[in-house]
Amino acid sequence: MSKPTIGFIGLGLMGGAMVGRLQDLGYDVTVLGNRDRTYLDAAIARGAVEAENAKAVAEASDIVMLCMGTSDHVESRMRGDQGVIAGLRKGATVVDFGTSLPGSSRALAAEVGAAGGSFLDAPLGRTPSHAKDGLLNIMASGDKAAFDAVEPVLKDLGENVFHLGAVGSGHTIKLINNFFGMTVANAMAEAFAMADVAGVDRAQLYDVMAAGPLHSGMMDFVKAYGVDKDPTMLAFAIKNAAKDVGYYARMADDAGVDSMMSKGTLTALNKARDSGQGEEMVSQMVDFYANHFKG
């Protein structure tokens, strides 16, 4: 059986790795990139076709995949005369791999359905290095029949592929997941900075904490920078963490509840971003807290 044709919009670090994986497996890919052409040009060099706009991507594709930074970015590529919906094939499926607002996903799903297609929100877990080898965690939700149809492709990209229910459920779970992860990371970053203030050794603090039930992968990621000065173990920028926790807080507001725990994490991430650390990795929040304590 021939493979479905793939359209991919958003070839950043993660999207570029995903397209490389698809090309490794012999998929025909039509691409539309960002201002940085690094991964776009690499895909084209391997045979991908560059589209003029998102409508042209959709016209060429059985499955349209988006991996973009914000809900606004996704909506801008989906709507309008040159958007995905305008060029969507009947029966095609749109998959949003980014981390978007659940309400936005539900609205887009209705518009895609009216155009004769299906929409899945399918945010990702793990890193671009996992994407390269097809080992992502994929949190998909939406119409089950549409999910079943594209599941073989998703399994080529992910080691753990979940169907989580109605559209928007994937993004809801991803936002809760990222709120928890970024809160743990910030707590560990502050703990290392507090060790400096209190005059105890960061490595010894880590050894004690990691010997008990507090030990986690996120703790290790922050320790990689806080102790070993390697920020690459957690390849997730502070600006992106601020966006995701901000979306979590907005989701809580939309639900009519007050999220207490997210406030400290979001305040710290926003301040670090606004002070010039936005492009740095989340583990480098250790420096933010150290500077904060110094006044």
Protein backbone atom coordinates (compact mmCIF):
# COMPACT_ATOMS: atom_id res chain seq x y z
CA MET A 1 0.00 0.00 0.00
CA SER A 2 1.34 3.43 -0.92
CA LYS A 3 2.10 5.88 1.85
CA PRO A 4 -0.09 8.97 2.28
CA THR A 5 1.34 12.25 1.10
CA ILE A 6 2.33 14.56 3.95
CA GLY A 7 2.25 18.33 4.21
CA PHE A 8 4.32 19.80 7.03
CA ILE A 9 4.14 23.41 8.20
CA GLY A 10 6.67 24.68 10.75
CA LEU A 11 10.19 23.28 10.34
CA GLY A 12 11.86 24.49 13.48
CA LEU A 13 14.03 22.30 15.67
CA MET A 14 11.25 19.80 16.41
CA GLY A 15 9.44 20.02 13.10
CA GLY A 16 12.67 19.69 11.14
CA ALA A 17 13.55 16.52 13.03
CA MET A 18 10.09 15.10 12.39
CA VAL A 19 10.28 15.81 8.68
CA GLY A 20 13.70 14.14 8.58
CA ARG A 21 12.16 11.07 10.19
CA LEU A 22 9.33 11.00 7.65
CA GLN A 23 11.83 11.29 4.81
CA ASP A 24 13.94 8.49 6.29
CA LEU A 25 10.85 6.29 6.01
CA GLY A 26 10.10 7.21 2.41
CA TYR A 27 7.18 9.63 2.77
CA ASP A 28 6.65 12.29 0.10
CA VAL A 29 6.59 15.61 1.94
CA THR A 30 5.48 19.10 0.96
CA VAL A 31 6.86 21.74 3.33
CA LEU A 32 6.28 25.31 4.41
CA GLY A 33 8.79 26.78 6.81
CA ASN A 34 9.60 29.72 9.02
CA ARG A 35 11.98 32.64 8.61
CA ASP A 36 14.89 30.38 9.58
CA ARG A 37 15.39 28.11 6.58
CA THR A 38 17.94 25.76 8.19
CA TYR A 39 15.69 22.72 8.45
CA LEU A 40 13.52 23.70 5.49
CA ASP A 41 16.51 23.73 3.15
CA ALA A 42 17.75 20.43 4.57
CA ALA A 43 14.37 18.83 3.81
CA ILE A 44 14.31 20.27 0.29
CA ALA A 45 17.81 18.94 -0.34
CA ARG A 46 16.46 15.48 0.46
CA GLY A 47 13.54 15.77 -1.96
CA ALA A 48 10.79 17.68 -0.14
CA VAL A 49 8.77 20.14 -2.21
CA GLU A 50 8.46 23.71 -0.92
CA ALA A 51 4.95 25.15 -1.16
CA GLU A 52 4.12 28.79 -1.79
CA ASN A 53 1.60 28.96 1.02
CA ALA A 54 -0.45 26.83 3.42
CA LYS A 55 -3.28 26.38 0.91
CA ALA A 56 -0.82 24.79 -1.54
CA VAL A 57 0.43 22.48 1.21
CA ALA A 58 -3.10 21.25 1.80
CA GLU A 59 -3.83 20.83 -1.89
CA ALA A 60 -0.86 18.46 -2.18
CA SER A 61 -1.44 16.42 0.98
CA ASP A 62 -3.51 13.60 2.43
CA ILE A 63 -2.35 14.60 5.93
CA VAL A 64 -1.41 18.17 6.88
CA MET A 65 0.83 18.47 9.96
CA LEU A 66 1.60 21.68 11.82
CA CYS A 67 4.35 22.16 14.40
CA MET A 68 4.20 25.81 15.40
CA GLY A 69 4.82 27.97 18.43
CA THR A 70 1.44 29.41 19.40
CA SER A 71 -2.30 29.09 18.81
CA ASP A 72 -2.17 32.37 16.89
CA HIS A 73 0.47 30.93 14.55
CA VAL A 74 -1.63 27.82 13.93
CA GLU A 75 -4.79 29.82 13.30
CA SER A 76 -2.98 32.12 10.87
CA ARG A 77 -1.87 29.15 8.78
CA MET A 78 -5.26 27.44 8.94
CA ARG A 79 -7.57 30.34 8.05
CA GLY A 80 -7.84 32.81 5.18
CA ASP A 81 -7.68 32.62 1.40
CA GLN A 82 -4.19 31.11 1.54
CA GLY A 83 -4.77 28.89 4.56
CA VAL A 84 -4.92 25.15 4.98
CA ILE A 85 -8.71 25.02 5.16
CA ALA A 86 -9.02 26.80 1.81
CA GLY A 87 -6.99 24.08 0.10
CA LEU A 88 -8.04 21.04 2.09
CA ARG A 89 -8.77 17.83 0.21
CA LYS A 90 -12.03 16.06 1.03
CA GLY A 91 -11.29 13.43 3.64
CA ALA A 92 -7.90 14.89 4.55
CA THR A 93 -6.71 15.05 8.15
CA VAL A 94 -5.04 18.01 9.85
CA VAL A 95 -2.77 17.27 12.82
CA ASP A 96 -1.62 20.06 15.13
CA PHE A 97 1.55 18.91 16.92
CA GLY A 98 2.14 22.22 18.68
CA THR A 99 0.99 23.20 22.15
CA SER A 100 -2.16 25.22 21.61
CA LEU A 101 -5.18 26.37 23.58
CA PRO A 102 -7.88 23.65 23.71
CA GLY A 103 -10.60 26.15 22.80
CA SER A 104 -8.69 27.13 19.67
CA SER A 105 -8.37 23.46 18.68
CA ARG A 106 -12.09 22.88 19.10
CA ALA A 107 -12.92 25.90 16.93
CA LEU A 108 -10.51 24.81 14.18
CA ALA A 109 -11.85 21.25 14.30
CA ALA A 110 -15.35 22.55 13.55
CA GLU A 111 -14.07 24.60 10.61
CA VAL A 112 -12.05 21.70 9.21
CA GLY A 113 -15.07 19.42 9.58
CA ALA A 114 -17.24 21.88 7.66
CA ALA A 115 -14.65 21.77 4.85
CA GLY A 116 -14.87 17.97 4.66
CA GLY A 117 -11.78 17.04 6.66
CA SER A 118 -10.83 15.96 10.17
CA PHE A 119 -8.73 17.69 12.81
CA LEU A 120 -6.61 16.10 15.52
CA ASP A 121 -4.74 17.96 18.23
CA ALA A 122 -1.64 15.90 18.96
CA PRO A 123 0.89 17.73 21.13
CA LEU A 124 4.26 16.15 21.72
CA GLY A 125 6.37 14.94 24.58
CA ARG A 126 10.14 14.38 24.55
CA THR A 127 12.76 16.20 22.50
CA PRO A 128 13.97 16.74 18.91
CA SER A 129 16.56 14.00 19.40
CA HIS A 130 13.68 11.60 20.11
CA ALA A 131 11.86 12.92 17.03
CA LYS A 132 14.82 12.05 14.84
CA ASP A 133 14.47 8.39 15.84
CA GLY A 134 10.67 8.22 15.91
CA LEU A 135 10.49 8.06 19.71
CA LEU A 136 8.17 10.94 20.56
CA ASN A 137 5.20 10.75 22.92
CA ILE A 138 2.13 11.85 20.95
CA MET A 139 -1.02 12.92 22.83
CA ALA A 140 -3.68 12.82 20.12
CA SER A 141 -7.38 13.58 20.42
CA GLY A 142 -10.27 14.07 18.07
CA ASP A 143 -12.46 11.88 15.88
CA LYS A 144 -11.53 8.24 16.56
CA ALA A 145 -11.99 7.12 12.96
CA ALA A 146 -9.66 9.88 11.77
CA PHE A 147 -7.14 8.91 14.44
CA ASP A 148 -7.29 5.25 13.41
CA ALA A 149 -6.66 6.21 9.79
CA VAL A 150 -3.49 8.18 10.54
CA GLU A 151 -2.26 6.12 13.50
CA PRO A 152 0.32 4.20 11.39
CA VAL A 153 1.94 7.51 10.43
CA LEU A 154 1.84 8.74 14.02
CA LYS A 155 3.50 5.50 15.12
CA ASP A 156 6.29 6.17 12.63
CA LEU A 157 6.91 9.39 14.56
CA GLY A 158 6.21 8.29 18.11
CA GLU A 159 7.08 5.47 20.45
CA ASN A 160 4.01 6.12 22.61
CA VAL A 161 0.92 7.24 20.71
CA PHE A 162 -2.21 7.95 22.77
CA HIS A 163 -5.79 8.66 21.76
CA LEU A 164 -7.20 10.76 24.57
CA GLY A 165 -10.79 11.41 23.59
CA ALA A 166 -12.63 14.38 22.15
CA VAL A 167 -10.75 17.12 20.31
CA GLY A 168 -8.95 19.44 22.71
CA SER A 169 -8.19 16.68 25.22
CA GLY A 170 -4.64 16.30 23.93
CA HIS A 171 -3.85 19.96 24.37
CA THR A 172 -5.53 20.00 27.78
CA ILE A 173 -3.38 17.13 29.02
CA LYS A 174 -0.26 18.63 27.46
CA LEU A 175 -0.81 21.95 29.23
CA ILE A 176 -1.32 20.21 32.57
CA ASN A 177 1.79 18.13 31.89
CA ASN A 178 3.90 21.17 31.04
CA PHE A 179 2.59 23.18 33.99
CA PHE A 180 3.68 20.37 36.29
CA GLY A 181 7.05 19.89 34.59
CA MET A 182 7.93 23.58 34.52
CA THR A 183 6.86 24.00 38.15
CA VAL A 184 9.14 21.13 39.19
CA ALA A 185 11.98 22.57 37.10
CA ASN A 186 11.59 25.99 38.68
CA ALA A 187 11.46 24.53 42.18
CA MET A 188 14.73 22.68 41.53
CA ALA A 189 16.32 25.77 40.00
CA GLU A 190 15.43 27.84 43.05
CA ALA A 191 16.66 25.05 45.33
CA PHE A 192 20.14 25.24 43.75
CA ALA A 193 20.15 29.03 44.05
CA MET A 194 19.07 28.78 47.68
CA ALA A 195 21.93 26.34 48.33
CA ASP A 196 24.31 29.12 47.26
CA VAL A 197 22.65 31.58 49.63
CA ALA A 198 22.74 29.10 52.49
CA GLY A 199 26.35 28.12 51.84
CA VAL A 200 25.82 24.45 50.99
CA ASP A 201 27.17 22.59 47.99
CA ARG A 202 24.80 22.20 45.03
CA ALA A 203 26.08 18.72 44.19
CA GLN A 204 25.60 17.53 47.76
CA LEU A 205 22.08 18.96 47.81
CA TYR A 206 21.30 17.05 44.63
CA ASP A 207 22.80 13.80 45.96
CA VAL A 208 20.59 13.93 49.06
CA MET A 209 17.43 14.89 47.18
CA ALA A 210 18.00 12.33 44.43
CA ALA A 211 18.43 9.53 46.96
CA GLY A 212 14.79 9.84 48.02
CA PRO A 213 11.29 10.00 46.48
CA LEU A 214 11.88 13.48 45.04
CA HIS A 215 14.16 12.08 42.35
CA SER A 216 12.87 12.68 38.82
CA GLY A 217 14.00 13.18 35.28
CA MET A 218 13.23 16.89 35.52
CA MET A 219 15.45 17.15 38.60
CA ASP A 220 18.25 15.57 36.58
CA PHE A 221 17.73 17.98 33.70
CA VAL A 222 18.09 21.00 35.99
CA LYS A 223 21.05 19.41 37.78
CA ALA A 224 22.78 19.00 34.41
CA TYR A 225 23.08 22.79 34.27
CA GLY A 226 22.98 23.73 37.94
CA VAL A 227 25.86 21.40 38.81
CA ASP A 228 27.44 20.28 35.53
CA LYS A 229 26.93 23.49 33.48
CA ASP A 230 25.28 21.62 30.57
CA PRO A 231 22.04 23.36 29.50
CA THR A 232 21.30 20.97 26.63
CA MET A 233 19.78 18.11 28.59
CA LEU A 234 16.44 19.95 28.57
CA ALA A 235 16.18 21.50 25.10
CA PHE A 236 13.23 23.73 25.94
CA ALA A 237 13.53 27.51 25.88
CA ILE A 238 12.38 29.72 28.72
CA LYS A 239 10.17 31.72 26.33
CA ASN A 240 8.36 28.52 25.30
CA ALA A 241 7.93 27.44 28.91
CA ALA A 242 6.43 30.85 29.71
CA LYS A 243 4.03 30.48 26.81
CA ASP A 244 2.88 27.01 27.86
CA VAL A 245 2.38 27.86 31.53
CA GLY A 246 0.61 31.02 30.41
CA TYR A 247 -1.73 28.90 28.30
CA TYR A 248 -2.33 26.65 31.32
CA ALA A 249 -3.27 29.68 33.41
CA ARG A 250 -5.54 30.94 30.64
CA MET A 251 -7.19 27.51 30.41
CA ALA A 252 -7.84 27.65 34.15
CA ASP A 253 -9.32 31.15 33.84
CA ASP A 254 -11.56 29.99 30.97
CA ALA A 255 -12.78 27.16 33.21
CA GLY A 256 -13.64 29.67 35.93
CA VAL A 257 -11.07 28.46 38.47
CA ASP A 258 -8.09 30.10 40.17
CA SER A 259 -4.78 28.31 39.63
CA MET A 260 -2.64 29.13 42.65
CA MET A 261 0.38 26.94 41.84
CA SER A 262 0.97 28.34 38.36
CA LYS A 263 1.33 31.93 39.56
CA GLY A 264 4.86 31.68 40.96
CA THR A 265 6.15 29.61 38.06
CA LEU A 266 4.64 31.92 35.48
CA THR A 267 5.89 35.07 37.21
CA ALA A 268 9.45 33.73 37.30
CA LEU A 269 9.42 32.53 33.69
CA ASN A 270 7.98 35.82 32.43
CA LYS A 271 10.53 37.86 34.37
CA ALA A 272 13.40 35.70 33.08
CA ARG A 273 12.12 36.03 29.51
CA ASP A 274 11.67 39.79 29.79
CA SER A 275 15.13 40.24 31.31
CA GLY A 276 16.80 38.69 28.28
CA GLN A 277 16.89 34.97 29.10
CA GLY A 278 14.05 33.99 26.75
CA GLU A 279 16.26 32.03 24.34
CA GLU A 280 18.07 30.21 27.14
CA MET A 281 17.03 26.75 28.29
CA VAL A 282 14.72 26.16 31.25
CA SER A 283 17.55 24.65 33.32
CA GLN A 284 19.22 28.06 33.16
CA MET A 285 16.49 29.41 35.42
CA VAL A 286 19.06 28.56 38.08
CA ASP A 287 20.86 31.75 37.05
CA PHE A 288 17.64 33.75 37.20
CA TYR A 289 16.99 32.69 40.80
CA ALA A 290 20.64 33.21 41.77
CA ASN A 291 20.52 36.76 40.40
CA HIS A 292 17.16 37.36 42.03
CA PHE A 293 18.53 36.41 45.43
CA LYS A 294 21.50 38.74 44.93
CA GLY A 295 19.07 41.62 44.39
